[in-house]
Amino acid sequence: MKDNLAKLYPGLTPDERFRLVLDAMARDDDKELLQLKDTCPRKDYTMLDAEFLDKLKATEIIVLILASFLEFALSEVEKAKASFTNYFQLMESWMRGYVRGSNNAWAKAGKKDVLLDIDGREPTNEEIREIALSACIEDIPEIVDQLLIESVVQLKSVYQGFEKFWGEAIKIKPEKFLSLYNPVLANVVESAKDCINSKISADEAVVEDVYRVFCNRWPGIENKAD
């Protein structure tokens, strides 16, 4: 039965052949898979230069990879910022309660003036907020500080790996590349600008890893990733 059906293989439409190939693969039927491929009609095509098209395709892939890398790194930065915000809010609440409670107890005890004051008066909520923020910055918990630094390092390293690839391997200014893909990529980079321009140093090992990822996606320069 199969042999009789195989006689029809040369006349299959592309969609029919595609579906039969999937069925053969699902059954692990290597014999039928080979027959379907061997009987597929051969055609000649005229197309744009393959190397040119490969580079355009590689560029699109690199855009997606860079955007996903940066978006993930940005999400880690936001998590670290959220940790600091939570710490600051706790500090602010404690500071306000401490100041208000101390001053209320002082007044109820019949004491004059204000115990915890600014220029002889009760601090405003905004002033307490500023004091709490200063205290947070001066004494950030190590884990919160480390999370923020590590996330910024990761983001900056990803971007520098991209800069190295586009500038050294392709010999085109990265800014020119970014300008071609607004707003897909440029908006992500804009959101990451503060981290990219920070004084925190990138991790050279991560820079090299990102550089290799891009090199391996670019036709003809895989050897530069070694």
N, C-alpha and C. Protein backbone atom coordinates (compact mmCIF):
# COMPACT_ATOMS: atom_id res chain seq x y z
N MET A 1 0.83 -1.21 0.00
CA MET A 1 0.00 0.00 0.00
C MET A 1 0.86 1.25 0.00
N LYS A 2 1.89 1.23 0.89
CA LYS A 2 2.78 2.37 0.97
C LYS A 2 3.50 2.61 -0.34
N ASP A 3 3.91 1.50 -1.01
CA ASP A 3 4.63 1.64 -2.28
C ASP A 3 3.74 2.29 -3.33
N ASN A 4 2.45 1.95 -3.32
CA ASN A 4 1.53 2.56 -4.27
C ASN A 4 1.37 4.05 -3.99
N LEU A 5 1.28 4.38 -2.73
CA LEU A 5 1.17 5.79 -2.36
C LEU A 5 2.44 6.55 -2.72
N ALA A 6 3.58 5.89 -2.58
CA ALA A 6 4.85 6.55 -2.87
C ALA A 6 4.92 7.01 -4.32
N LYS A 7 4.17 6.35 -5.22
CA LYS A 7 4.17 6.75 -6.63
C LYS A 7 3.55 8.13 -6.81
N LEU A 8 2.74 8.53 -5.82
CA LEU A 8 2.07 9.83 -5.91
C LEU A 8 2.92 10.96 -5.34
N TYR A 9 4.03 10.61 -4.67
CA TYR A 9 4.83 11.62 -3.99
C TYR A 9 5.34 12.74 -4.90
N PRO A 10 5.78 12.44 -6.13
CA PRO A 10 6.30 13.53 -6.97
C PRO A 10 5.25 14.60 -7.28
N GLY A 11 3.95 14.24 -7.23
CA GLY A 11 2.91 15.20 -7.57
C GLY A 11 2.29 15.91 -6.38
N LEU A 12 2.83 15.70 -5.20
CA LEU A 12 2.28 16.34 -4.01
C LEU A 12 2.46 17.86 -4.06
N THR A 13 1.50 18.56 -3.49
CA THR A 13 1.67 20.00 -3.35
C THR A 13 2.64 20.24 -2.19
N PRO A 14 3.26 21.42 -2.13
CA PRO A 14 4.18 21.71 -1.01
C PRO A 14 3.53 21.49 0.36
N ASP A 15 2.27 21.91 0.51
CA ASP A 15 1.61 21.75 1.79
C ASP A 15 1.37 20.28 2.12
N GLU A 16 0.96 19.49 1.12
CA GLU A 16 0.75 18.06 1.34
C GLU A 16 2.05 17.37 1.74
N ARG A 17 3.14 17.72 1.05
CA ARG A 17 4.43 17.10 1.35
C ARG A 17 4.87 17.48 2.78
N PHE A 18 4.67 18.74 3.13
CA PHE A 18 5.03 19.21 4.46
C PHE A 18 4.31 18.42 5.56
N ARG A 19 3.01 18.21 5.36
CA ARG A 19 2.23 17.51 6.38
C ARG A 19 2.62 16.03 6.48
N LEU A 20 2.91 15.41 5.32
CA LEU A 20 3.33 14.01 5.33
C LEU A 20 4.71 13.85 5.97
N VAL A 21 5.57 14.82 5.75
CA VAL A 21 6.90 14.79 6.39
C VAL A 21 6.76 14.86 7.90
N LEU A 22 5.88 15.74 8.39
CA LEU A 22 5.66 15.83 9.83
C LEU A 22 5.13 14.51 10.39
N ASP A 23 4.20 13.88 9.65
CA ASP A 23 3.66 12.59 10.09
C ASP A 23 4.75 11.53 10.15
N ALA A 24 5.61 11.51 9.12
CA ALA A 24 6.70 10.53 9.07
C ALA A 24 7.69 10.75 10.22
N MET A 25 7.97 11.99 10.50
CA MET A 25 8.88 12.31 11.61
C MET A 25 8.28 11.87 12.94
N ALA A 26 6.97 12.07 13.09
CA ALA A 26 6.30 11.68 14.34
C ALA A 26 6.34 10.16 14.53
N ARG A 27 6.33 9.40 13.41
CA ARG A 27 6.35 7.93 13.49
C ARG A 27 7.77 7.39 13.47
N ASP A 28 8.76 8.28 13.35
CA ASP A 28 10.16 7.85 13.19
C ASP A 28 10.32 6.96 11.96
N ASP A 29 9.56 7.27 10.91
CA ASP A 29 9.60 6.49 9.67
C ASP A 29 10.64 7.11 8.73
N ASP A 30 11.89 6.73 8.93
CA ASP A 30 12.98 7.33 8.15
C ASP A 30 12.88 6.99 6.66
N LYS A 31 12.37 5.81 6.35
CA LYS A 31 12.27 5.40 4.95
C LYS A 31 11.31 6.32 4.19
N GLU A 32 10.13 6.53 4.77
CA GLU A 32 9.16 7.40 4.10
C GLU A 32 9.65 8.85 4.07
N LEU A 33 10.31 9.26 5.13
CA LEU A 33 10.84 10.62 5.19
C LEU A 33 11.83 10.84 4.05
N LEU A 34 12.68 9.86 3.81
CA LEU A 34 13.66 9.96 2.74
C LEU A 34 12.98 9.99 1.38
N GLN A 35 11.94 9.15 1.20
CA GLN A 35 11.20 9.13 -0.07
C GLN A 35 10.54 10.48 -0.35
N LEU A 36 9.96 11.05 0.68
CA LEU A 36 9.28 12.35 0.52
C LEU A 36 10.26 13.44 0.12
N LYS A 37 11.45 13.39 0.71
CA LYS A 37 12.45 14.40 0.38
C LYS A 37 13.04 14.17 -1.00
N ASP A 38 13.31 12.90 -1.33
CA ASP A 38 13.92 12.60 -2.63
C ASP A 38 13.00 12.90 -3.80
N THR A 39 11.68 12.75 -3.58
CA THR A 39 10.74 12.98 -4.68
C THR A 39 10.27 14.43 -4.76
N CYS A 40 10.77 15.26 -3.86
CA CYS A 40 10.38 16.67 -3.90
C CYS A 40 10.96 17.31 -5.16
N PRO A 41 10.16 18.00 -5.95
CA PRO A 41 10.66 18.63 -7.18
C PRO A 41 11.78 19.63 -6.90
N ARG A 42 12.77 19.65 -7.80
CA ARG A 42 13.86 20.63 -7.72
C ARG A 42 13.51 21.81 -8.62
N LYS A 43 13.73 23.02 -8.11
CA LYS A 43 13.44 24.21 -8.90
C LYS A 43 14.60 25.19 -8.84
N ASP A 44 14.75 25.95 -9.89
CA ASP A 44 15.78 27.00 -9.94
C ASP A 44 15.13 28.34 -9.61
N TYR A 45 15.83 29.14 -8.80
CA TYR A 45 15.31 30.44 -8.40
C TYR A 45 16.34 31.53 -8.64
N THR A 46 15.84 32.73 -8.88
CA THR A 46 16.69 33.92 -8.89
C THR A 46 16.38 34.70 -7.63
N MET A 47 17.41 35.07 -6.89
CA MET A 47 17.20 35.76 -5.62
C MET A 47 18.29 36.80 -5.41
N LEU A 48 18.07 37.65 -4.42
CA LEU A 48 19.10 38.60 -4.04
C LEU A 48 20.31 37.86 -3.50
N ASP A 49 21.45 38.51 -3.53
CA ASP A 49 22.70 37.90 -3.08
C ASP A 49 22.52 37.29 -1.69
N ALA A 50 22.88 36.01 -1.55
CA ALA A 50 22.63 35.28 -0.31
C ALA A 50 23.39 35.87 0.87
N GLU A 51 24.63 36.30 0.64
CA GLU A 51 25.43 36.86 1.73
C GLU A 51 24.78 38.15 2.26
N PHE A 52 24.29 38.97 1.33
CA PHE A 52 23.60 40.20 1.71
C PHE A 52 22.36 39.89 2.55
N LEU A 53 21.55 38.93 2.09
CA LEU A 53 20.33 38.57 2.82
C LEU A 53 20.64 37.96 4.18
N ASP A 54 21.71 37.15 4.24
CA ASP A 54 22.10 36.54 5.51
C ASP A 54 22.45 37.61 6.54
N LYS A 55 23.12 38.66 6.09
CA LYS A 55 23.51 39.73 7.02
C LYS A 55 22.30 40.54 7.48
N LEU A 56 21.37 40.76 6.57
CA LEU A 56 20.14 41.46 6.98
C LEU A 56 19.38 40.63 8.02
N LYS A 57 19.30 39.33 7.76
CA LYS A 57 18.59 38.44 8.70
C LYS A 57 19.32 38.40 10.04
N ALA A 58 20.65 38.33 9.98
CA ALA A 58 21.43 38.30 11.22
C ALA A 58 21.24 39.57 12.02
N THR A 59 21.12 40.70 11.32
CA THR A 59 20.90 41.97 11.99
C THR A 59 19.58 41.96 12.75
N GLU A 60 18.54 41.43 12.12
CA GLU A 60 17.23 41.35 12.78
C GLU A 60 17.29 40.47 14.02
N ILE A 61 18.03 39.37 13.92
CA ILE A 61 18.16 38.47 15.07
C ILE A 61 18.92 39.15 16.20
N ILE A 62 19.98 39.88 15.85
CA ILE A 62 20.78 40.57 16.86
C ILE A 62 19.95 41.63 17.58
N VAL A 63 19.07 42.30 16.84
CA VAL A 63 18.17 43.29 17.46
C VAL A 63 17.33 42.61 18.53
N LEU A 64 16.76 41.46 18.19
CA LEU A 64 15.89 40.74 19.14
C LEU A 64 16.69 40.24 20.34
N ILE A 65 17.90 39.73 20.09
CA ILE A 65 18.73 39.23 21.20
C ILE A 65 19.11 40.37 22.13
N LEU A 66 19.59 41.48 21.55
CA LEU A 66 20.00 42.62 22.37
C LEU A 66 18.82 43.16 23.18
N ALA A 67 17.68 43.31 22.52
CA ALA A 67 16.50 43.83 23.22
C ALA A 67 16.10 42.92 24.38
N SER A 68 16.14 41.60 24.16
CA SER A 68 15.75 40.67 25.22
C SER A 68 16.77 40.69 26.36
N PHE A 69 18.08 40.76 26.01
CA PHE A 69 19.13 40.85 27.04
C PHE A 69 18.93 42.10 27.89
N LEU A 70 18.74 43.25 27.21
CA LEU A 70 18.61 44.51 27.93
C LEU A 70 17.33 44.57 28.77
N GLU A 71 16.24 44.06 28.21
CA GLU A 71 14.97 44.08 28.95
C GLU A 71 15.07 43.21 30.21
N PHE A 72 15.74 42.07 30.10
CA PHE A 72 15.92 41.23 31.29
C PHE A 72 16.79 41.95 32.32
N ALA A 73 17.91 42.54 31.85
CA ALA A 73 18.80 43.26 32.76
C ALA A 73 18.08 44.43 33.41
N LEU A 74 17.26 45.14 32.62
CA LEU A 74 16.49 46.26 33.17
C LEU A 74 15.51 45.78 34.24
N SER A 75 14.90 44.63 34.02
CA SER A 75 13.95 44.11 35.01
C SER A 75 14.68 43.80 36.33
N GLU A 76 15.94 43.35 36.24
CA GLU A 76 16.72 43.08 37.44
C GLU A 76 17.06 44.38 38.16
N VAL A 77 17.35 45.43 37.39
CA VAL A 77 17.61 46.75 37.98
C VAL A 77 16.36 47.24 38.71
N GLU A 78 15.20 47.07 38.08
CA GLU A 78 13.95 47.53 38.70
C GLU A 78 13.66 46.75 39.98
N LYS A 79 13.99 45.46 39.99
CA LYS A 79 13.80 44.67 41.22
C LYS A 79 14.68 45.21 42.34
N ALA A 80 15.93 45.53 41.99
CA ALA A 80 16.85 46.07 42.99
C ALA A 80 16.36 47.43 43.50
N LYS A 81 15.86 48.26 42.58
CA LYS A 81 15.32 49.57 42.98
C LYS A 81 14.12 49.39 43.91
N ALA A 82 13.30 48.39 43.60
CA ALA A 82 12.12 48.13 44.43
C ALA A 82 12.54 47.72 45.84
N SER A 83 13.63 46.95 45.95
CA SER A 83 14.14 46.55 47.27
C SER A 83 14.56 47.78 48.06
N PHE A 84 15.24 48.71 47.38
CA PHE A 84 15.65 49.95 48.06
C PHE A 84 14.43 50.78 48.45
N THR A 85 13.45 50.86 47.56
CA THR A 85 12.24 51.63 47.86
C THR A 85 11.53 51.07 49.08
N ASN A 86 11.43 49.75 49.16
CA ASN A 86 10.79 49.12 50.32
C ASN A 86 11.55 49.44 51.61
N TYR A 87 12.88 49.36 51.50
CA TYR A 87 13.71 49.69 52.67
C TYR A 87 13.51 51.15 53.08
N PHE A 88 13.48 52.05 52.11
CA PHE A 88 13.30 53.46 52.40
C PHE A 88 11.94 53.72 53.03
N GLN A 89 10.89 53.08 52.51
CA GLN A 89 9.56 53.28 53.08
C GLN A 89 9.49 52.80 54.52
N LEU A 90 10.15 51.68 54.81
CA LEU A 90 10.19 51.20 56.18
C LEU A 90 10.94 52.19 57.08
N MET A 91 12.06 52.70 56.58
CA MET A 91 12.85 53.66 57.34
C MET A 91 12.06 54.95 57.58
N GLU A 92 11.33 55.41 56.55
CA GLU A 92 10.54 56.63 56.67
C GLU A 92 9.43 56.45 57.71
N SER A 93 8.75 55.30 57.67
CA SER A 93 7.68 55.04 58.63
C SER A 93 8.22 54.98 60.06
N TRP A 94 9.36 54.30 60.20
CA TRP A 94 9.97 54.22 61.53
C TRP A 94 10.39 55.60 62.02
N MET A 95 11.01 56.38 61.14
CA MET A 95 11.49 57.72 61.51
C MET A 95 10.34 58.62 61.92
N ARG A 96 9.25 58.59 61.16
CA ARG A 96 8.09 59.44 61.47
C ARG A 96 7.49 59.04 62.82
N GLY A 97 7.35 57.72 63.02
CA GLY A 97 6.81 57.25 64.29
C GLY A 97 7.70 57.62 65.47
N TYR A 98 9.01 57.50 65.24
CA TYR A 98 9.97 57.82 66.31
C TYR A 98 9.92 59.30 66.67
N VAL A 99 9.92 60.17 65.65
CA VAL A 99 9.90 61.62 65.90
C VAL A 99 8.59 62.04 66.54
N ARG A 100 7.47 61.61 65.94
CA ARG A 100 6.16 62.01 66.46
C ARG A 100 5.95 61.44 67.88
N GLY A 101 6.29 60.18 68.07
CA GLY A 101 6.10 59.54 69.36
C GLY A 101 6.95 60.19 70.45
N SER A 102 8.21 60.47 70.10
CA SER A 102 9.10 61.09 71.09
C SER A 102 8.62 62.48 71.46
N ASN A 103 8.22 63.26 70.48
CA ASN A 103 7.75 64.62 70.76
C ASN A 103 6.43 64.63 71.52
N ASN A 104 5.54 63.70 71.21
CA ASN A 104 4.26 63.61 71.94
C ASN A 104 4.49 63.23 73.41
N ALA A 105 5.39 62.26 73.62
CA ALA A 105 5.69 61.83 74.99
C ALA A 105 6.34 62.98 75.76
N TRP A 106 7.19 63.74 75.08
CA TRP A 106 7.87 64.89 75.68
C TRP A 106 6.84 65.96 76.11
N ALA A 107 5.86 66.21 75.22
CA ALA A 107 4.84 67.22 75.54
C ALA A 107 3.93 66.75 76.67
N LYS A 108 3.55 65.46 76.66
CA LYS A 108 2.68 64.94 77.71
C LYS A 108 3.36 64.95 79.07
N ALA A 109 4.67 64.90 79.06
CA ALA A 109 5.42 64.95 80.32
C ALA A 109 5.55 66.38 80.84
N GLY A 110 4.97 67.32 80.11
CA GLY A 110 4.99 68.72 80.55
C GLY A 110 6.28 69.45 80.23
N LYS A 111 7.08 68.87 79.33
CA LYS A 111 8.34 69.51 78.97
C LYS A 111 8.09 70.65 77.99
N LYS A 112 8.99 71.61 78.01
CA LYS A 112 8.86 72.77 77.12
C LYS A 112 9.55 72.49 75.79
N ASP A 113 9.19 73.32 74.82
CA ASP A 113 9.78 73.25 73.47
C ASP A 113 9.52 71.88 72.82
N VAL A 114 10.37 71.51 71.86
CA VAL A 114 10.22 70.24 71.12
C VAL A 114 11.49 69.42 71.31
N LEU A 115 11.33 68.15 71.63
CA LEU A 115 12.50 67.30 71.87
C LEU A 115 13.31 67.10 70.59
N LEU A 116 12.65 66.61 69.55
CA LEU A 116 13.30 66.39 68.25
C LEU A 116 12.79 67.46 67.29
N ASP A 117 13.64 68.46 67.05
CA ASP A 117 13.16 69.63 66.32
C ASP A 117 14.05 69.98 65.14
N ILE A 118 13.53 70.88 64.33
CA ILE A 118 14.30 71.55 63.29
C ILE A 118 14.04 73.04 63.46
N ASP A 119 15.09 73.76 63.83
CA ASP A 119 14.96 75.20 64.10
C ASP A 119 13.91 75.47 65.17
N GLY A 120 13.83 74.61 66.17
CA GLY A 120 12.94 74.82 67.28
C GLY A 120 11.49 74.43 67.06
N ARG A 121 11.20 73.79 65.97
CA ARG A 121 9.81 73.40 65.67
C ARG A 121 9.74 71.92 65.30
N GLU A 122 8.49 71.44 65.30
CA GLU A 122 8.24 70.04 64.91
C GLU A 122 8.59 69.84 63.43
N PRO A 123 9.37 68.81 63.08
CA PRO A 123 9.68 68.57 61.66
C PRO A 123 8.42 68.24 60.85
N THR A 124 8.39 68.71 59.62
CA THR A 124 7.28 68.36 58.73
C THR A 124 7.49 66.94 58.21
N ASN A 125 6.43 66.36 57.62
CA ASN A 125 6.55 65.02 57.03
C ASN A 125 7.60 65.00 55.93
N GLU A 126 7.68 66.06 55.14
CA GLU A 126 8.66 66.12 54.05
C GLU A 126 10.08 66.16 54.60
N GLU A 127 10.28 66.89 55.71
CA GLU A 127 11.61 66.94 56.32
C GLU A 127 12.00 65.59 56.90
N ILE A 128 11.02 64.93 57.52
CA ILE A 128 11.29 63.58 58.05
C ILE A 128 11.64 62.64 56.90
N ARG A 129 10.95 62.81 55.77
CA ARG A 129 11.22 61.98 54.60
C ARG A 129 12.65 62.17 54.11
N GLU A 130 13.10 63.42 54.07
CA GLU A 130 14.47 63.72 53.62
C GLU A 130 15.50 63.15 54.58
N ILE A 131 15.20 63.23 55.89
CA ILE A 131 16.12 62.65 56.88
C ILE A 131 16.21 61.14 56.70
N ALA A 132 15.05 60.50 56.48
CA ALA A 132 15.02 59.05 56.29
C ALA A 132 15.78 58.65 55.04
N LEU A 133 15.63 59.44 53.97
CA LEU A 133 16.34 59.13 52.73
C LEU A 133 17.84 59.24 52.92
N SER A 134 18.28 60.28 53.60
CA SER A 134 19.72 60.45 53.87
C SER A 134 20.25 59.27 54.68
N ALA A 135 19.47 58.84 55.67
CA ALA A 135 19.89 57.70 56.50
C ALA A 135 19.98 56.43 55.67
N CYS A 136 19.04 56.24 54.74
CA CYS A 136 19.04 55.06 53.88
C CYS A 136 20.27 55.03 52.98
N ILE A 137 20.58 56.19 52.40
CA ILE A 137 21.71 56.27 51.48
C ILE A 137 23.02 56.02 52.21
N GLU A 138 23.12 56.54 53.44
CA GLU A 138 24.34 56.37 54.22
C GLU A 138 24.52 54.95 54.74
N ASP A 139 23.41 54.25 54.90
CA ASP A 139 23.48 52.93 55.53
C ASP A 139 22.57 51.93 54.81
N ILE A 140 22.80 51.77 53.49
CA ILE A 140 22.02 50.80 52.72
C ILE A 140 22.42 49.38 53.14
N PRO A 141 21.46 48.51 53.43
CA PRO A 141 21.81 47.12 53.75
C PRO A 141 22.66 46.51 52.64
N GLU A 142 23.64 45.74 53.02
CA GLU A 142 24.59 45.19 52.04
C GLU A 142 23.90 44.41 50.93
N ILE A 143 22.88 43.64 51.29
CA ILE A 143 22.22 42.82 50.27
C ILE A 143 21.50 43.69 49.24
N VAL A 144 20.90 44.81 49.69
CA VAL A 144 20.21 45.72 48.78
C VAL A 144 21.22 46.42 47.88
N ASP A 145 22.31 46.88 48.50
CA ASP A 145 23.36 47.56 47.76
C ASP A 145 23.97 46.63 46.70
N GLN A 146 24.21 45.38 47.09
CA GLN A 146 24.82 44.41 46.19
C GLN A 146 23.90 44.08 45.02
N LEU A 147 22.60 43.94 45.31
CA LEU A 147 21.63 43.65 44.24
C LEU A 147 21.62 44.75 43.19
N LEU A 148 21.63 45.99 43.65
CA LEU A 148 21.60 47.13 42.73
C LEU A 148 22.85 47.19 41.89
N ILE A 149 24.00 47.03 42.53
CA ILE A 149 25.28 47.09 41.80
C ILE A 149 25.37 45.97 40.78
N GLU A 150 25.03 44.76 41.19
CA GLU A 150 25.14 43.61 40.29
C GLU A 150 24.22 43.75 39.08
N SER A 151 23.02 44.27 39.29
CA SER A 151 22.08 44.43 38.18
C SER A 151 22.56 45.50 37.20
N VAL A 152 23.14 46.58 37.72
CA VAL A 152 23.68 47.63 36.84
C VAL A 152 24.89 47.10 36.07
N VAL A 153 25.74 46.35 36.75
CA VAL A 153 26.92 45.77 36.09
C VAL A 153 26.48 44.86 34.94
N GLN A 154 25.46 44.03 35.19
CA GLN A 154 24.97 43.12 34.17
C GLN A 154 24.46 43.88 32.95
N LEU A 155 23.65 44.91 33.20
CA LEU A 155 23.08 45.68 32.10
C LEU A 155 24.18 46.39 31.30
N LYS A 156 25.10 47.01 32.00
CA LYS A 156 26.19 47.73 31.33
C LYS A 156 27.08 46.78 30.54
N SER A 157 27.30 45.60 31.07
CA SER A 157 28.14 44.60 30.38
C SER A 157 27.50 44.13 29.09
N VAL A 158 26.18 43.92 29.13
CA VAL A 158 25.45 43.51 27.92
C VAL A 158 25.60 44.56 26.84
N TYR A 159 25.41 45.82 27.21
CA TYR A 159 25.50 46.89 26.21
C TYR A 159 26.92 47.03 25.67
N GLN A 160 27.91 46.91 26.54
CA GLN A 160 29.29 47.03 26.06
C GLN A 160 29.68 45.85 25.17
N GLY A 161 29.10 44.67 25.43
CA GLY A 161 29.34 43.52 24.54
C GLY A 161 28.78 43.80 23.16
N PHE A 162 27.61 44.42 23.12
CA PHE A 162 27.01 44.83 21.84
C PHE A 162 27.88 45.89 21.14
N GLU A 163 28.33 46.88 21.90
CA GLU A 163 29.18 47.93 21.32
C GLU A 163 30.46 47.34 20.74
N LYS A 164 31.05 46.40 21.48
CA LYS A 164 32.29 45.78 21.00
C LYS A 164 32.04 45.01 19.70
N PHE A 165 30.96 44.26 19.66
CA PHE A 165 30.65 43.50 18.45
C PHE A 165 30.44 44.41 17.25
N TRP A 166 29.57 45.40 17.41
CA TRP A 166 29.22 46.25 16.27
C TRP A 166 30.37 47.15 15.85
N GLY A 167 31.15 47.61 16.84
CA GLY A 167 32.25 48.52 16.52
C GLY A 167 33.50 47.81 16.02
N GLU A 168 33.85 46.68 16.66
CA GLU A 168 35.09 45.99 16.31
C GLU A 168 34.90 44.95 15.21
N ALA A 169 33.85 44.17 15.31
CA ALA A 169 33.66 43.09 14.34
C ALA A 169 33.04 43.57 13.03
N ILE A 170 32.06 44.48 13.13
CA ILE A 170 31.34 44.93 11.94
C ILE A 170 31.88 46.26 11.41
N LYS A 171 32.57 47.00 12.29
CA LYS A 171 33.19 48.29 11.90
C LYS A 171 32.14 49.34 11.55
N ILE A 172 31.07 49.37 12.29
CA ILE A 172 30.04 50.40 12.13
C ILE A 172 29.73 50.95 13.52
N LYS A 173 29.57 52.26 13.64
CA LYS A 173 29.28 52.85 14.94
C LYS A 173 27.96 52.29 15.48
N PRO A 174 27.97 51.83 16.73
CA PRO A 174 26.74 51.27 17.33
C PRO A 174 25.56 52.23 17.26
N GLU A 175 25.83 53.54 17.40
CA GLU A 175 24.74 54.53 17.38
C GLU A 175 23.98 54.49 16.06
N LYS A 176 24.71 54.25 14.98
CA LYS A 176 24.09 54.18 13.66
C LYS A 176 23.17 52.97 13.57
N PHE A 177 23.62 51.87 14.12
CA PHE A 177 22.81 50.66 14.13
C PHE A 177 21.52 50.90 14.90
N LEU A 178 21.65 51.50 16.09
CA LEU A 178 20.48 51.72 16.94
C LEU A 178 19.47 52.63 16.27
N SER A 179 19.96 53.63 15.54
CA SER A 179 19.05 54.60 14.91
C SER A 179 18.19 53.95 13.84
N LEU A 180 18.61 52.82 13.31
CA LEU A 180 17.87 52.14 12.25
C LEU A 180 16.66 51.38 12.78
N TYR A 181 16.63 51.13 14.08
CA TYR A 181 15.61 50.26 14.62
C TYR A 181 14.72 50.94 15.66
N ASN A 182 14.54 52.24 15.56
CA ASN A 182 13.57 52.94 16.42
C ASN A 182 12.17 52.47 16.05
N PRO A 183 11.26 52.29 17.01
CA PRO A 183 11.50 52.39 18.45
C PRO A 183 11.79 51.05 19.11
N VAL A 184 11.89 49.99 18.33
CA VAL A 184 12.02 48.65 18.90
C VAL A 184 13.16 48.56 19.91
N LEU A 185 14.33 49.00 19.49
CA LEU A 185 15.51 48.87 20.35
C LEU A 185 15.88 50.18 21.03
N ALA A 186 15.74 51.28 20.32
CA ALA A 186 16.15 52.58 20.85
C ALA A 186 15.44 52.92 22.16
N ASN A 187 14.16 52.56 22.28
CA ASN A 187 13.42 52.84 23.50
C ASN A 187 13.97 52.05 24.69
N VAL A 188 14.38 50.81 24.43
CA VAL A 188 14.95 49.99 25.49
C VAL A 188 16.28 50.60 25.95
N VAL A 189 17.10 51.00 24.98
CA VAL A 189 18.40 51.61 25.30
C VAL A 189 18.19 52.92 26.06
N GLU A 190 17.20 53.69 25.65
CA GLU A 190 16.91 54.96 26.33
C GLU A 190 16.56 54.71 27.80
N SER A 191 15.78 53.67 28.05
CA SER A 191 15.40 53.34 29.43
C SER A 191 16.61 52.91 30.26
N ALA A 192 17.61 52.36 29.57
CA ALA A 192 18.80 51.86 30.27
C ALA A 192 19.94 52.87 30.31
N LYS A 193 19.71 54.07 29.79
CA LYS A 193 20.80 55.04 29.60
C LYS A 193 21.52 55.36 30.91
N ASP A 194 20.77 55.57 31.99
CA ASP A 194 21.41 55.93 33.26
C ASP A 194 22.38 54.85 33.72
N CYS A 195 21.97 53.59 33.55
CA CYS A 195 22.85 52.48 33.95
C CYS A 195 24.05 52.37 33.02
N ILE A 196 23.80 52.53 31.71
CA ILE A 196 24.87 52.42 30.72
C ILE A 196 25.93 53.49 30.96
N ASN A 197 25.50 54.69 31.35
CA ASN A 197 26.43 55.81 31.55
C ASN A 197 26.93 55.93 32.98
N SER A 198 26.57 54.99 33.84
CA SER A 198 27.01 55.06 35.24
C SER A 198 28.51 54.83 35.35
N LYS A 199 29.07 55.20 36.50
CA LYS A 199 30.51 55.03 36.73
C LYS A 199 30.87 53.61 37.16
N ILE A 200 29.85 52.79 37.39
CA ILE A 200 30.10 51.39 37.76
C ILE A 200 30.72 50.66 36.57
N SER A 201 31.76 49.89 36.83
CA SER A 201 32.47 49.20 35.75
C SER A 201 31.72 47.95 35.29
N ALA A 202 31.84 47.66 34.01
CA ALA A 202 31.23 46.45 33.45
C ALA A 202 32.05 45.23 33.83
N ASP A 203 31.45 44.07 33.72
CA ASP A 203 32.13 42.80 33.95
C ASP A 203 32.69 42.33 32.61
N GLU A 204 34.01 42.32 32.48
CA GLU A 204 34.64 42.00 31.19
C GLU A 204 34.30 40.60 30.72
N ALA A 205 34.11 39.67 31.64
CA ALA A 205 33.76 38.30 31.24
C ALA A 205 32.39 38.28 30.59
N VAL A 206 31.44 39.03 31.13
CA VAL A 206 30.10 39.11 30.54
C VAL A 206 30.16 39.83 29.20
N VAL A 207 30.96 40.89 29.12
CA VAL A 207 31.14 41.62 27.85
C VAL A 207 31.60 40.65 26.76
N GLU A 208 32.57 39.81 27.09
CA GLU A 208 33.09 38.86 26.11
C GLU A 208 32.05 37.81 25.74
N ASP A 209 31.28 37.35 26.71
CA ASP A 209 30.24 36.35 26.44
C ASP A 209 29.20 36.91 25.47
N VAL A 210 28.77 38.15 25.71
CA VAL A 210 27.78 38.79 24.84
C VAL A 210 28.36 38.99 23.45
N TYR A 211 29.60 39.41 23.40
CA TYR A 211 30.31 39.59 22.11
C TYR A 211 30.31 38.29 21.31
N ARG A 212 30.60 37.18 21.99
CA ARG A 212 30.64 35.88 21.31
C ARG A 212 29.25 35.47 20.80
N VAL A 213 28.22 35.76 21.60
CA VAL A 213 26.86 35.43 21.17
C VAL A 213 26.55 36.11 19.85
N PHE A 214 26.88 37.39 19.74
CA PHE A 214 26.60 38.14 18.51
C PHE A 214 27.47 37.65 17.35
N CYS A 215 28.74 37.38 17.65
CA CYS A 215 29.63 36.87 16.59
C CYS A 215 29.12 35.56 16.02
N ASN A 216 28.61 34.71 16.89
CA ASN A 216 28.11 33.41 16.43
C ASN A 216 26.84 33.52 15.61
N ARG A 217 26.19 34.68 15.66
CA ARG A 217 24.98 34.91 14.88
C ARG A 217 25.28 35.62 13.55
N TRP A 218 26.52 36.05 13.37
CA TRP A 218 26.86 36.82 12.18
C TRP A 218 27.59 35.94 11.17
N PRO A 219 27.10 35.88 9.93
CA PRO A 219 27.71 34.98 8.93
C PRO A 219 29.15 35.37 8.61
N GLY A 220 30.05 34.39 8.71
CA GLY A 220 31.42 34.60 8.25
C GLY A 220 32.40 35.09 9.29
N ILE A 221 31.96 35.38 10.54
CA ILE A 221 32.92 35.86 11.52
C ILE A 221 32.89 35.02 12.80
N GLU A 222 32.39 33.80 12.71
CA GLU A 222 32.31 32.95 13.89
C GLU A 222 33.68 32.77 14.55
N ASN A 223 34.76 32.77 13.72
CA ASN A 223 36.09 32.58 14.25
C ASN A 223 36.51 33.68 15.21
N LYS A 224 35.90 34.86 15.11
CA LYS A 224 36.25 35.96 16.00
C LYS A 224 35.72 35.72 17.41
N ALA A 225 34.83 34.76 17.55
CA ALA A 225 34.27 34.48 18.87
C ALA A 225 35.18 33.55 19.67
N ASP A 226 36.20 33.00 19.04
CA ASP A 226 37.08 32.03 19.72
C ASP A 226 38.13 32.76 20.55
